[in-house]
Amino acid sequence: MLQQNFGALRKYVPAELKHNSKGWYIEYYRLNPILDEYERIRLMMNRERKRCKTLTEFKLHSEIVVLTTSCVQVPMIWMLYR
């Protein structure tokens, strides 16, 4: 069991801000405890991009969201494997 806990943490990938033809999004992976595997989650950020005046302002706002998302994921993994 202990080895499974550290295995889950080794697979951890922090959230990232990405851009494609559909627009801006934040991509991260969440551990599904039922299937015991990671699933990809995408948060679309197009509406937030339209609200910001400049691309730099949007990227600063998005980095706060990315950091918040990344900080929440690690404690959740520990809580699932207690």
C-alpha atoms as a PDB file:
ATOM      1  CA  MET A   1       0.000   0.000   0.000  1.00  0.00           C
ATOM      2  CA  LEU A   2       2.778   2.410   0.894  1.00  0.00           C
ATOM      3  CA  GLN A   3       4.471   1.788  -2.438  1.00  0.00           C
ATOM      4  CA  GLN A   4       1.219   2.606  -4.260  1.00  0.00           C
ATOM      5  CA  ASN A   5       1.097   5.981  -2.488  1.00  0.00           C
ATOM      6  CA  PHE A   6       4.513   6.970  -3.770  1.00  0.00           C
ATOM      7  CA  GLY A   7       3.734   5.557  -7.205  1.00  0.00           C
ATOM      8  CA  ALA A   8       0.771   7.922  -7.491  1.00  0.00           C
ATOM      9  CA  LEU A   9       2.928  10.890  -6.503  1.00  0.00           C
ATOM     10  CA  ARG A  10       5.608  10.007  -9.047  1.00  0.00           C
ATOM     11  CA  LYS A  11       3.019  10.224 -11.845  1.00  0.00           C
ATOM     12  CA  TYR A  12       1.936  13.703 -10.766  1.00  0.00           C
ATOM     13  CA  VAL A  13       2.039  16.303 -13.554  1.00  0.00           C
ATOM     14  CA  PRO A  14       1.468  19.962 -12.611  1.00  0.00           C
ATOM     15  CA  ALA A  15      -1.245  22.006 -14.328  1.00  0.00           C
ATOM     16  CA  GLU A  16      -0.274  23.964 -17.459  1.00  0.00           C
ATOM     17  CA  LEU A  17      -1.707  26.853 -19.460  1.00  0.00           C
ATOM     18  CA  LYS A  18      -1.989  25.827 -23.134  1.00  0.00           C
ATOM     19  CA  HIS A  19      -3.297  27.282 -26.375  1.00  0.00           C
ATOM     20  CA  ASN A  20      -4.714  25.543 -29.458  1.00  0.00           C
ATOM     21  CA  SER A  21      -7.109  26.335 -32.314  1.00  0.00           C
ATOM     22  CA  LYS A  22     -10.124  26.268 -29.928  1.00  0.00           C
ATOM     23  CA  GLY A  23      -8.554  28.806 -27.583  1.00  0.00           C
ATOM     24  CA  TRP A  24      -6.854  28.920 -24.183  1.00  0.00           C
ATOM     25  CA  TYR A  25      -7.203  26.213 -21.560  1.00  0.00           C
ATOM     26  CA  ILE A  26      -5.602  24.866 -18.396  1.00  0.00           C
ATOM     27  CA  GLU A  27      -4.790  21.177 -18.556  1.00  0.00           C
ATOM     28  CA  TYR A  28      -4.130  18.964 -15.549  1.00  0.00           C
ATOM     29  CA  TYR A  29      -4.488  15.356 -14.521  1.00  0.00           C
ATOM     30  CA  ARG A  30      -6.676  14.157 -11.645  1.00  0.00           C
ATOM     31  CA  LEU A  31      -6.430  10.785  -9.934  1.00  0.00           C
ATOM     32  CA  ASN A  32      -9.628   8.759 -10.289  1.00  0.00           C
ATOM     33  CA  PRO A  33      -9.750   6.610  -7.115  1.00  0.00           C
ATOM     34  CA  ILE A  34     -12.243   4.121  -8.582  1.00  0.00           C
ATOM     35  CA  LEU A  35     -10.168   3.294 -11.659  1.00  0.00           C
ATOM     36  CA  ASP A  36      -6.857   4.071  -9.877  1.00  0.00           C
ATOM     37  CA  GLU A  37      -5.551   5.986 -12.891  1.00  0.00           C
ATOM     38  CA  TYR A  38      -5.189   9.600 -13.962  1.00  0.00           C
ATOM     39  CA  GLU A  39      -7.755  11.356 -16.149  1.00  0.00           C
ATOM     40  CA  ARG A  40      -7.089  14.536 -18.110  1.00  0.00           C
ATOM     41  CA  ILE A  41      -9.101  17.641 -17.207  1.00  0.00           C
ATOM     42  CA  ARG A  42      -9.270  20.795 -19.324  1.00  0.00           C
ATOM     43  CA  LEU A  43     -10.563  24.121 -18.034  1.00  0.00           C
ATOM     44  CA  MET A  44     -11.406  26.414 -20.919  1.00  0.00           C
ATOM     45  CA  MET A  45     -10.186  29.982 -20.324  1.00  0.00           C
ATOM     46  CA  ASN A  46     -11.596  31.794 -23.391  1.00  0.00           C
ATOM     47  CA  ARG A  47     -14.086  33.856 -21.402  1.00  0.00           C
ATOM     48  CA  GLU A  48     -11.366  35.015 -19.009  1.00  0.00           C
ATOM     49  CA  ARG A  49      -9.157  35.929 -21.975  1.00  0.00           C
ATOM     50  CA  LYS A  50     -11.879  38.223 -23.350  1.00  0.00           C
ATOM     51  CA  ARG A  51     -12.243  39.949 -19.963  1.00  0.00           C
ATOM     52  CA  CYS A  52      -8.539  40.838 -19.740  1.00  0.00           C
ATOM     53  CA  LYS A  53      -7.261  43.881 -21.610  1.00  0.00           C
ATOM     54  CA  THR A  54      -3.875  42.434 -22.579  1.00  0.00           C
ATOM     55  CA  LEU A  55      -2.367  39.000 -23.123  1.00  0.00           C
ATOM     56  CA  THR A  56       0.140  39.666 -20.330  1.00  0.00           C
ATOM     57  CA  GLU A  57      -2.647  40.425 -17.858  1.00  0.00           C
ATOM     58  CA  PHE A  58      -4.423  37.213 -18.909  1.00  0.00           C
ATOM     59  CA  LYS A  59      -1.287  35.119 -18.467  1.00  0.00           C
ATOM     60  CA  LEU A  60      -0.731  36.527 -14.971  1.00  0.00           C
ATOM     61  CA  HIS A  61      -4.323  35.739 -14.018  1.00  0.00           C
ATOM     62  CA  SER A  62      -4.013  32.255 -15.524  1.00  0.00           C
ATOM     63  CA  GLU A  63      -0.804  31.508 -13.628  1.00  0.00           C
ATOM     64  CA  ILE A  64      -2.647  32.163 -10.363  1.00  0.00           C
ATOM     65  CA  VAL A  65      -5.292  29.640 -11.416  1.00  0.00           C
ATOM     66  CA  VAL A  66      -2.595  27.147 -12.458  1.00  0.00           C
ATOM     67  CA  LEU A  67      -0.767  27.475  -9.132  1.00  0.00           C
ATOM     68  CA  THR A  68      -4.000  27.127  -7.172  1.00  0.00           C
ATOM     69  CA  THR A  69      -4.955  24.034  -9.153  1.00  0.00           C
ATOM     70  CA  SER A  70      -1.511  22.480  -8.687  1.00  0.00           C
ATOM     71  CA  CYS A  71      -1.461  23.165  -4.941  1.00  0.00           C
ATOM     72  CA  VAL A  72      -4.845  21.528  -4.428  1.00  0.00           C
ATOM     73  CA  GLN A  73      -3.998  18.318  -6.274  1.00  0.00           C
ATOM     74  CA  VAL A  74      -1.086  17.133  -4.131  1.00  0.00           C
ATOM     75  CA  PRO A  75      -2.965  17.133  -0.774  1.00  0.00           C
ATOM     76  CA  MET A  76      -5.904  15.379  -2.454  1.00  0.00           C
ATOM     77  CA  ILE A  77      -3.625  12.486  -3.466  1.00  0.00           C
ATOM     78  CA  TRP A  78      -2.441  12.093   0.127  1.00  0.00           C
ATOM     79  CA  MET A  79      -6.032  12.145   1.422  1.00  0.00           C
ATOM     80  CA  LEU A  80      -7.121   9.410  -0.971  1.00  0.00           C
ATOM     81  CA  TYR A  81      -4.405   6.990   0.106  1.00  0.00           C
ATOM     82  CA  ARG A  82      -4.630   7.395   3.878  1.00  0.00           C
END
